[in-house]
Amino acid sequence: MTAPTPGPASPRPADQGLSHYRADGAAHMVDVSAKDVTRRQATAKGVLRTRADVVERIAAGDLPKGEAIATARIAGIMGAKRTPDLVPLCHPLPVSGVDVDVVPAGDDAGAVEITATVRTTGRTGVEMEALTAVTVAGLTLYDMIKAVDNAAVLTDVRVVAKSGGRSGDWNRDGEGDA
């Protein structure tokens, strides 16, 4: 028995406003050439959940693979810069700054908080770059700790603030600075 051949993508109603779909329903890269060049910034956060003893080892730099915080920070920066290579419809942007912080959560002994802020001057935002930075930093942390806790979980990855562009500033319930 052969599998059915997929048909063409179903058309999307124009009133849905889905900018990554053409009128015929096919995905495409959005043309941002008519947008103004503005200063844009986005901040994303995530949490690596593990055991309290593992968080202590992360903070002390006492893991079999070495110092995890600096490694994760550099990986996050690299991830932000490589976002269009990883996410097919993202525009390559002139990333002008990336800050990645990896810190034990003060209120949860078994969690490490990851925060990334990405800045650019361009025609589209850097939310995807901030999300990628957090995710790659979190994956790197997991890789660094899996010898002592392979049950760790990367969770709660989200954009918490953005600024610039036509839609202006946005902040998720006081979690980030726009």
N, C-alpha and C. Protein backbone atom coordinates (compact mmCIF):
# COMPACT_ATOMS: atom_id res chain seq x y z
N MET A 1 0.84 -1.18 0.00
CA MET A 1 0.00 0.00 0.00
C MET A 1 0.89 1.24 0.00
N THR A 2 0.59 2.18 -0.85
CA THR A 2 1.38 3.40 -0.92
C THR A 2 0.70 4.51 -0.13
N ALA A 3 1.52 5.38 0.40
CA ALA A 3 0.99 6.52 1.16
C ALA A 3 0.38 7.52 0.20
N PRO A 4 -0.69 8.19 0.62
CA PRO A 4 -1.29 9.20 -0.25
C PRO A 4 -0.32 10.34 -0.50
N THR A 5 -0.39 10.89 -1.69
CA THR A 5 0.44 12.03 -2.04
C THR A 5 -0.18 13.29 -1.46
N PRO A 6 0.61 14.08 -0.69
CA PRO A 6 0.03 15.29 -0.12
C PRO A 6 -0.35 16.26 -1.23
N GLY A 7 -1.47 16.91 -1.05
CA GLY A 7 -1.93 17.91 -2.01
C GLY A 7 -1.33 19.27 -1.70
N PRO A 8 -1.76 20.28 -2.45
CA PRO A 8 -1.24 21.62 -2.20
C PRO A 8 -1.70 22.11 -0.83
N ALA A 9 -0.93 23.05 -0.28
CA ALA A 9 -1.29 23.64 1.01
C ALA A 9 -2.64 24.33 0.88
N SER A 10 -3.44 24.23 1.92
CA SER A 10 -4.76 24.86 1.86
C SER A 10 -4.62 26.37 1.96
N PRO A 11 -5.39 27.10 1.16
CA PRO A 11 -5.31 28.56 1.21
C PRO A 11 -5.71 29.09 2.58
N ARG A 12 -5.11 30.19 2.99
CA ARG A 12 -5.42 30.85 4.25
C ARG A 12 -6.29 32.06 3.97
N PRO A 13 -7.34 32.25 4.75
CA PRO A 13 -8.15 33.45 4.56
C PRO A 13 -7.30 34.70 4.78
N ALA A 14 -7.50 35.70 3.95
CA ALA A 14 -6.72 36.94 4.04
C ALA A 14 -6.92 37.64 5.37
N ASP A 15 -8.10 37.48 5.97
CA ASP A 15 -8.36 38.21 7.21
C ASP A 15 -7.64 37.60 8.41
N GLN A 16 -6.99 36.44 8.26
CA GLN A 16 -6.23 35.86 9.37
C GLN A 16 -4.94 36.63 9.62
N GLY A 17 -4.44 37.32 8.63
CA GLY A 17 -3.24 38.13 8.81
C GLY A 17 -1.99 37.32 9.11
N LEU A 18 -1.87 36.14 8.61
CA LEU A 18 -0.69 35.32 8.84
C LEU A 18 0.37 35.69 7.80
N SER A 19 1.34 36.43 8.23
CA SER A 19 2.29 37.02 7.29
C SER A 19 3.26 36.02 6.67
N HIS A 20 3.41 34.83 7.23
CA HIS A 20 4.32 33.85 6.66
C HIS A 20 3.65 32.90 5.68
N TYR A 21 2.43 33.23 5.27
CA TYR A 21 1.73 32.44 4.27
C TYR A 21 1.38 33.31 3.07
N ARG A 22 1.56 32.74 1.88
CA ARG A 22 1.11 33.42 0.67
C ARG A 22 -0.40 33.20 0.55
N ALA A 23 -1.01 33.86 -0.42
CA ALA A 23 -2.45 33.72 -0.65
C ALA A 23 -2.84 32.27 -0.93
N ASP A 24 -1.91 31.49 -1.55
CA ASP A 24 -2.23 30.10 -1.85
C ASP A 24 -1.96 29.15 -0.69
N GLY A 25 -1.54 29.69 0.46
CA GLY A 25 -1.31 28.88 1.65
C GLY A 25 0.12 28.40 1.82
N ALA A 26 0.99 28.63 0.85
CA ALA A 26 2.37 28.19 0.96
C ALA A 26 3.16 29.12 1.87
N ALA A 27 4.04 28.54 2.67
CA ALA A 27 4.90 29.33 3.55
C ALA A 27 5.92 30.09 2.71
N HIS A 28 6.30 31.27 3.18
CA HIS A 28 7.32 32.07 2.50
C HIS A 28 7.97 33.00 3.49
N MET A 29 9.08 33.59 3.09
CA MET A 29 9.77 34.57 3.91
C MET A 29 9.12 35.92 3.68
N VAL A 30 8.77 36.60 4.76
CA VAL A 30 8.11 37.90 4.68
C VAL A 30 9.08 38.94 4.13
N ASP A 31 8.59 39.79 3.23
CA ASP A 31 9.39 40.89 2.70
C ASP A 31 9.31 42.06 3.67
N VAL A 32 10.43 42.40 4.30
CA VAL A 32 10.45 43.49 5.27
C VAL A 32 11.09 44.76 4.71
N SER A 33 11.31 44.79 3.41
CA SER A 33 12.05 45.92 2.82
C SER A 33 11.32 47.25 2.97
N ALA A 34 10.01 47.26 3.13
CA ALA A 34 9.27 48.51 3.28
C ALA A 34 9.23 48.99 4.73
N LYS A 35 9.68 48.17 5.66
CA LYS A 35 9.67 48.55 7.08
C LYS A 35 10.80 49.53 7.36
N ASP A 36 10.58 50.37 8.36
CA ASP A 36 11.62 51.30 8.79
C ASP A 36 12.71 50.57 9.56
N VAL A 37 13.93 51.05 9.41
CA VAL A 37 15.04 50.56 10.21
C VAL A 37 14.93 51.27 11.57
N THR A 38 14.80 50.49 12.63
CA THR A 38 14.73 51.04 13.98
C THR A 38 15.57 50.20 14.91
N ARG A 39 15.86 50.77 16.08
CA ARG A 39 16.54 50.02 17.13
C ARG A 39 15.52 49.07 17.73
N ARG A 40 15.89 47.80 17.83
CA ARG A 40 14.98 46.77 18.33
C ARG A 40 15.71 45.93 19.37
N GLN A 41 14.94 45.46 20.34
CA GLN A 41 15.50 44.64 21.40
C GLN A 41 14.45 43.62 21.84
N ALA A 42 14.90 42.44 22.20
CA ALA A 42 14.00 41.42 22.74
C ALA A 42 14.72 40.68 23.86
N THR A 43 13.95 40.33 24.88
CA THR A 43 14.46 39.55 26.00
C THR A 43 13.62 38.29 26.14
N ALA A 44 14.31 37.15 26.31
CA ALA A 44 13.63 35.87 26.52
C ALA A 44 14.22 35.23 27.76
N LYS A 45 13.44 34.35 28.35
CA LYS A 45 13.88 33.62 29.54
C LYS A 45 13.52 32.15 29.41
N GLY A 46 14.21 31.34 30.18
CA GLY A 46 13.92 29.92 30.28
C GLY A 46 14.49 29.39 31.58
N VAL A 47 14.14 28.15 31.92
CA VAL A 47 14.58 27.55 33.17
C VAL A 47 15.09 26.14 32.89
N LEU A 48 16.24 25.81 33.44
CA LEU A 48 16.71 24.44 33.45
C LEU A 48 16.40 23.89 34.84
N ARG A 49 15.56 22.87 34.88
CA ARG A 49 15.17 22.25 36.15
C ARG A 49 15.98 20.98 36.35
N THR A 50 16.64 20.92 37.50
CA THR A 50 17.49 19.80 37.85
C THR A 50 17.40 19.61 39.36
N ARG A 51 18.39 19.00 39.96
CA ARG A 51 18.42 18.82 41.42
C ARG A 51 19.23 19.95 42.06
N ALA A 52 18.94 20.21 43.32
CA ALA A 52 19.65 21.27 44.05
C ALA A 52 21.15 21.01 44.10
N ASP A 53 21.58 19.76 44.27
CA ASP A 53 23.01 19.47 44.33
C ASP A 53 23.69 19.75 42.98
N VAL A 54 22.95 19.56 41.90
CA VAL A 54 23.51 19.84 40.57
C VAL A 54 23.64 21.35 40.36
N VAL A 55 22.64 22.10 40.81
CA VAL A 55 22.73 23.57 40.72
C VAL A 55 23.94 24.07 41.50
N GLU A 56 24.18 23.49 42.67
CA GLU A 56 25.36 23.87 43.45
C GLU A 56 26.64 23.58 42.68
N ARG A 57 26.69 22.44 41.99
CA ARG A 57 27.87 22.09 41.20
C ARG A 57 28.03 23.02 40.00
N ILE A 58 26.91 23.41 39.38
CA ILE A 58 26.96 24.37 38.27
C ILE A 58 27.56 25.68 38.77
N ALA A 59 27.04 26.18 39.89
CA ALA A 59 27.51 27.45 40.45
C ALA A 59 28.98 27.40 40.86
N ALA A 60 29.42 26.24 41.34
CA ALA A 60 30.81 26.08 41.79
C ALA A 60 31.76 25.77 40.64
N GLY A 61 31.23 25.48 39.45
CA GLY A 61 32.08 25.11 38.32
C GLY A 61 32.67 23.72 38.51
N ASP A 62 31.97 22.86 39.24
CA ASP A 62 32.47 21.55 39.61
C ASP A 62 31.69 20.44 38.90
N LEU A 63 31.78 20.39 37.60
CA LEU A 63 31.11 19.36 36.81
C LEU A 63 32.14 18.57 36.02
N PRO A 64 31.84 17.32 35.68
CA PRO A 64 32.81 16.51 34.92
C PRO A 64 33.26 17.16 33.61
N LYS A 65 32.36 17.91 32.95
CA LYS A 65 32.73 18.55 31.68
C LYS A 65 33.33 19.94 31.87
N GLY A 66 33.38 20.43 33.10
CA GLY A 66 33.99 21.73 33.35
C GLY A 66 32.98 22.81 33.69
N GLU A 67 33.39 24.05 33.46
CA GLU A 67 32.63 25.23 33.87
C GLU A 67 31.44 25.46 32.94
N ALA A 68 30.25 25.21 33.43
CA ALA A 68 29.05 25.21 32.59
C ALA A 68 28.50 26.61 32.30
N ILE A 69 28.58 27.52 33.24
CA ILE A 69 27.94 28.83 33.06
C ILE A 69 28.58 29.60 31.90
N ALA A 70 29.88 29.71 31.89
CA ALA A 70 30.55 30.44 30.80
C ALA A 70 30.34 29.75 29.46
N THR A 71 30.37 28.41 29.47
CA THR A 71 30.16 27.67 28.23
C THR A 71 28.75 27.91 27.69
N ALA A 72 27.75 27.86 28.58
CA ALA A 72 26.37 28.10 28.17
C ALA A 72 26.17 29.53 27.68
N ARG A 73 26.80 30.49 28.33
CA ARG A 73 26.69 31.90 27.91
C ARG A 73 27.23 32.08 26.49
N ILE A 74 28.39 31.54 26.22
CA ILE A 74 28.97 31.66 24.88
C ILE A 74 28.11 30.92 23.85
N ALA A 75 27.60 29.74 24.21
CA ALA A 75 26.73 29.00 23.29
C ALA A 75 25.47 29.80 22.98
N GLY A 76 24.90 30.46 23.97
CA GLY A 76 23.71 31.28 23.75
C GLY A 76 23.98 32.42 22.79
N ILE A 77 25.12 33.08 22.96
CA ILE A 77 25.50 34.17 22.05
C ILE A 77 25.66 33.63 20.64
N MET A 78 26.33 32.51 20.51
CA MET A 78 26.50 31.90 19.18
C MET A 78 25.16 31.51 18.58
N GLY A 79 24.26 30.98 19.40
CA GLY A 79 22.93 30.60 18.92
C GLY A 79 22.16 31.79 18.38
N ALA A 80 22.21 32.91 19.10
CA ALA A 80 21.51 34.12 18.63
C ALA A 80 22.02 34.53 17.25
N LYS A 81 23.33 34.47 17.07
CA LYS A 81 23.92 34.88 15.80
C LYS A 81 23.61 33.92 14.66
N ARG A 82 23.28 32.66 14.98
CA ARG A 82 23.03 31.65 13.95
C ARG A 82 21.54 31.35 13.76
N THR A 83 20.66 32.13 14.35
CA THR A 83 19.22 31.85 14.29
C THR A 83 18.70 31.64 12.87
N PRO A 84 19.04 32.48 11.87
CA PRO A 84 18.49 32.23 10.54
C PRO A 84 18.99 30.94 9.90
N ASP A 85 20.08 30.36 10.43
CA ASP A 85 20.55 29.06 9.93
C ASP A 85 19.73 27.93 10.53
N LEU A 86 19.05 28.20 11.65
CA LEU A 86 18.30 27.17 12.36
C LEU A 86 16.79 27.25 12.15
N VAL A 87 16.27 28.46 12.01
CA VAL A 87 14.84 28.69 11.85
C VAL A 87 14.62 29.17 10.42
N PRO A 88 14.00 28.35 9.57
CA PRO A 88 14.00 28.58 8.13
C PRO A 88 13.52 29.95 7.64
N LEU A 89 12.52 30.56 8.24
CA LEU A 89 11.98 31.80 7.69
C LEU A 89 12.47 33.05 8.40
N CYS A 90 13.47 32.92 9.28
CA CYS A 90 14.03 34.09 9.97
C CYS A 90 14.97 34.84 9.04
N HIS A 91 14.90 36.17 9.14
CA HIS A 91 15.79 37.02 8.36
C HIS A 91 17.16 37.07 9.01
N PRO A 92 18.23 37.07 8.23
CA PRO A 92 19.55 37.33 8.82
C PRO A 92 19.59 38.79 9.24
N LEU A 93 19.95 39.03 10.48
CA LEU A 93 19.94 40.39 11.02
C LEU A 93 21.33 40.80 11.49
N PRO A 94 21.60 42.09 11.45
CA PRO A 94 22.87 42.57 12.00
C PRO A 94 22.74 42.65 13.53
N VAL A 95 23.01 41.55 14.20
CA VAL A 95 22.91 41.51 15.65
C VAL A 95 24.00 42.40 16.22
N SER A 96 23.59 43.42 16.98
CA SER A 96 24.57 44.36 17.51
C SER A 96 24.95 44.09 18.95
N GLY A 97 24.18 43.27 19.64
CA GLY A 97 24.53 42.93 21.01
C GLY A 97 23.71 41.76 21.51
N VAL A 98 24.36 40.91 22.31
CA VAL A 98 23.68 39.78 22.93
C VAL A 98 24.21 39.67 24.36
N ASP A 99 23.29 39.68 25.32
CA ASP A 99 23.65 39.44 26.71
C ASP A 99 22.94 38.16 27.14
N VAL A 100 23.69 37.22 27.70
CA VAL A 100 23.12 35.97 28.20
C VAL A 100 23.54 35.83 29.66
N ASP A 101 22.56 35.67 30.52
CA ASP A 101 22.83 35.44 31.94
C ASP A 101 22.33 34.06 32.32
N VAL A 102 23.16 33.33 33.05
CA VAL A 102 22.83 31.99 33.53
C VAL A 102 23.09 32.01 35.03
N VAL A 103 22.00 31.94 35.81
CA VAL A 103 22.14 32.07 37.27
C VAL A 103 21.23 31.08 37.99
N PRO A 104 21.70 30.56 39.12
CA PRO A 104 20.79 29.73 39.93
C PRO A 104 19.57 30.57 40.33
N ALA A 105 18.39 29.95 40.27
CA ALA A 105 17.16 30.65 40.64
C ALA A 105 17.17 30.85 42.16
N GLY A 106 16.97 32.07 42.58
CA GLY A 106 17.02 32.36 44.00
C GLY A 106 15.90 31.70 44.78
N ASP A 107 14.73 31.51 44.17
CA ASP A 107 13.57 30.96 44.88
C ASP A 107 13.37 29.47 44.66
N ASP A 108 14.23 28.82 43.87
CA ASP A 108 14.08 27.39 43.58
C ASP A 108 15.46 26.77 43.52
N ALA A 109 15.80 26.02 44.54
CA ALA A 109 17.15 25.46 44.66
C ALA A 109 17.49 24.48 43.53
N GLY A 110 16.49 23.98 42.82
CA GLY A 110 16.73 23.02 41.75
C GLY A 110 16.57 23.61 40.36
N ALA A 111 16.73 24.92 40.23
CA ALA A 111 16.52 25.56 38.93
C ALA A 111 17.63 26.56 38.62
N VAL A 112 17.92 26.66 37.33
CA VAL A 112 18.85 27.65 36.81
C VAL A 112 18.07 28.51 35.82
N GLU A 113 18.12 29.83 36.02
CA GLU A 113 17.42 30.75 35.12
C GLU A 113 18.37 31.20 34.02
N ILE A 114 17.84 31.23 32.81
CA ILE A 114 18.59 31.67 31.64
C ILE A 114 17.84 32.86 31.05
N THR A 115 18.55 33.97 30.88
CA THR A 115 17.96 35.18 30.29
C THR A 115 18.85 35.64 29.16
N ALA A 116 18.23 35.98 28.03
CA ALA A 116 18.99 36.50 26.89
C ALA A 116 18.31 37.76 26.38
N THR A 117 19.12 38.78 26.14
CA THR A 117 18.64 40.02 25.54
C THR A 117 19.46 40.24 24.27
N VAL A 118 18.74 40.46 23.16
CA VAL A 118 19.38 40.65 21.86
C VAL A 118 18.97 42.00 21.32
N ARG A 119 19.95 42.71 20.73
CA ARG A 119 19.70 44.03 20.16
C ARG A 119 20.15 44.09 18.70
N THR A 120 19.42 44.89 17.93
CA THR A 120 19.77 45.13 16.54
C THR A 120 19.25 46.49 16.13
N THR A 121 19.73 46.96 15.02
CA THR A 121 19.11 48.08 14.31
C THR A 121 18.76 47.50 12.95
N GLY A 122 17.46 47.30 12.75
CA GLY A 122 17.05 46.62 11.53
C GLY A 122 15.59 46.82 11.21
N ARG A 123 15.10 46.02 10.27
CA ARG A 123 13.73 46.14 9.77
C ARG A 123 12.77 45.14 10.41
N THR A 124 13.30 44.23 11.23
CA THR A 124 12.44 43.25 11.89
C THR A 124 13.04 42.93 13.25
N GLY A 125 12.22 42.38 14.13
CA GLY A 125 12.61 42.17 15.52
C GLY A 125 13.53 41.00 15.75
N VAL A 126 14.01 40.90 16.98
CA VAL A 126 14.97 39.87 17.36
C VAL A 126 14.41 38.91 18.42
N GLU A 127 13.09 38.73 18.43
CA GLU A 127 12.50 37.78 19.37
C GLU A 127 13.02 36.37 19.14
N MET A 128 13.11 35.96 17.89
CA MET A 128 13.58 34.60 17.60
C MET A 128 15.04 34.41 18.02
N GLU A 129 15.84 35.45 17.86
CA GLU A 129 17.24 35.37 18.28
C GLU A 129 17.35 35.23 19.79
N ALA A 130 16.51 35.96 20.54
CA ALA A 130 16.52 35.85 22.00
C ALA A 130 16.06 34.46 22.44
N LEU A 131 15.00 33.94 21.82
CA LEU A 131 14.52 32.59 22.14
C LEU A 131 15.58 31.53 21.81
N THR A 132 16.25 31.71 20.69
CA THR A 132 17.28 30.75 20.30
C THR A 132 18.45 30.81 21.27
N ALA A 133 18.83 32.01 21.69
CA ALA A 133 19.93 32.15 22.65
C ALA A 133 19.62 31.40 23.94
N VAL A 134 18.40 31.58 24.47
CA VAL A 134 18.01 30.89 25.70
C VAL A 134 18.02 29.38 25.49
N THR A 135 17.46 28.94 24.38
CA THR A 135 17.36 27.50 24.13
C THR A 135 18.73 26.86 23.96
N VAL A 136 19.60 27.48 23.18
CA VAL A 136 20.94 26.91 22.97
C VAL A 136 21.75 26.94 24.27
N ALA A 137 21.62 28.00 25.05
CA ALA A 137 22.29 28.04 26.36
C ALA A 137 21.76 26.92 27.25
N GLY A 138 20.45 26.71 27.24
CA GLY A 138 19.85 25.64 28.05
C GLY A 138 20.27 24.26 27.59
N LEU A 139 20.32 24.04 26.29
CA LEU A 139 20.78 22.76 25.77
C LEU A 139 22.24 22.51 26.14
N THR A 140 23.03 23.56 26.12
CA THR A 140 24.43 23.44 26.51
C THR A 140 24.56 23.09 27.98
N LEU A 141 23.75 23.75 28.83
CA LEU A 141 23.75 23.39 30.25
C LEU A 141 23.40 21.91 30.42
N TYR A 142 22.35 21.47 29.72
CA TYR A 142 21.97 20.07 29.81
C TYR A 142 23.14 19.17 29.43
N ASP A 143 23.80 19.49 28.34
CA ASP A 143 24.93 18.70 27.89
C ASP A 143 26.03 18.66 28.95
N MET A 144 26.23 19.79 29.62
CA MET A 144 27.28 19.87 30.64
C MET A 144 26.94 19.08 31.91
N ILE A 145 25.64 18.90 32.20
CA ILE A 145 25.25 18.24 33.46
C ILE A 145 24.73 16.82 33.27
N LYS A 146 24.54 16.37 32.05
CA LYS A 146 23.89 15.07 31.84
C LYS A 146 24.63 13.91 32.49
N ALA A 147 25.91 14.06 32.72
CA ALA A 147 26.66 12.99 33.40
C ALA A 147 26.24 12.86 34.87
N VAL A 148 25.71 13.93 35.45
CA VAL A 148 25.28 13.88 36.85
C VAL A 148 23.76 13.93 36.99
N ASP A 149 23.04 14.35 35.94
CA ASP A 149 21.57 14.35 35.97
C ASP A 149 21.03 14.37 34.55
N ASN A 150 20.77 13.19 34.01
CA ASN A 150 20.23 13.14 32.65
C ASN A 150 18.71 13.31 32.64
N ALA A 151 18.08 13.56 33.79
CA ALA A 151 16.64 13.79 33.87
C ALA A 151 16.31 15.29 33.93
N ALA A 152 17.30 16.14 33.79
CA ALA A 152 17.05 17.59 33.81
C ALA A 152 16.12 17.97 32.67
N VAL A 153 15.41 19.09 32.84
CA VAL A 153 14.42 19.54 31.86
C VAL A 153 14.61 21.02 31.57
N LEU A 154 14.63 21.38 30.30
CA LEU A 154 14.62 22.78 29.89
C LEU A 154 13.17 23.17 29.67
N THR A 155 12.70 24.21 30.33
CA THR A 155 11.28 24.55 30.31
C THR A 155 11.06 26.06 30.34
N ASP A 156 9.81 26.43 30.17
CA ASP A 156 9.37 27.82 30.33
C ASP A 156 10.12 28.81 29.44
N VAL A 157 10.52 28.40 28.25
CA VAL A 157 11.19 29.31 27.32
C VAL A 157 10.14 30.24 26.72
N ARG A 158 10.34 31.55 26.87
CA ARG A 158 9.34 32.52 26.44
C ARG A 158 9.97 33.88 26.23
N VAL A 159 9.36 34.67 25.36
CA VAL A 159 9.73 36.08 25.21
C VAL A 159 9.09 36.83 26.37
N VAL A 160 9.86 37.67 27.04
CA VAL A 160 9.31 38.44 28.16
C VAL A 160 9.21 39.92 27.86
N ALA A 161 9.93 40.40 26.85
CA ALA A 161 9.84 41.82 26.50
C ALA A 161 10.41 42.03 25.11
N LYS A 162 9.88 43.05 24.44
CA LYS A 162 10.44 43.49 23.16
C LYS A 162 10.21 44.99 23.04
N SER A 163 11.08 45.63 22.28
CA SER A 163 10.90 47.05 22.02
C SER A 163 11.34 47.36 20.60
N GLY A 164 10.79 48.45 20.08
CA GLY A 164 11.12 48.89 18.73
C GLY A 164 10.15 48.35 17.70
N GLY A 165 10.24 48.91 16.54
CA GLY A 165 9.39 48.47 15.44
C GLY A 165 8.01 49.08 15.48
N ARG A 166 7.23 48.75 14.46
CA ARG A 166 5.90 49.33 14.30
C ARG A 166 4.96 48.99 15.45
N SER A 167 5.08 47.77 15.99
CA SER A 167 4.16 47.37 17.06
C SER A 167 4.56 47.93 18.43
N GLY A 168 5.72 48.56 18.52
CA GLY A 168 6.12 49.23 19.75
C GLY A 168 6.62 48.28 20.82
N ASP A 169 6.53 48.76 22.06
CA ASP A 169 7.07 48.01 23.19
C ASP A 169 6.03 47.04 23.74
N TRP A 170 6.52 45.92 24.26
CA TRP A 170 5.66 44.91 24.86
C TRP A 170 6.41 44.27 26.01
N ASN A 171 5.68 43.97 27.09
CA ASN A 171 6.29 43.37 28.27
C ASN A 171 5.31 42.34 28.82
N ARG A 172 5.79 41.14 29.09
CA ARG A 172 4.94 40.08 29.66
C ARG A 172 4.84 40.26 31.16
N ASP A 173 3.77 40.85 31.60
CA ASP A 173 3.45 40.94 33.04
C ASP A 173 4.63 41.30 33.93
N GLY A 174 5.41 42.30 33.56
CA GLY A 174 6.50 42.77 34.42
C GLY A 174 7.71 41.87 34.47
N GLU A 175 7.82 40.85 33.58
CA GLU A 175 8.95 39.92 33.63
C GLU A 175 10.23 40.48 33.02
N GLY A 176 10.11 41.39 32.09
CA GLY A 176 11.32 41.88 31.42
C GLY A 176 11.25 43.38 31.20
N ASP A 177 12.37 43.96 30.88
CA ASP A 177 12.42 45.38 30.57
C ASP A 177 12.38 45.56 29.07
N ALA A 178 11.44 46.36 28.60
CA ALA A 178 11.33 46.62 27.16
C ALA A 178 12.36 47.62 26.73
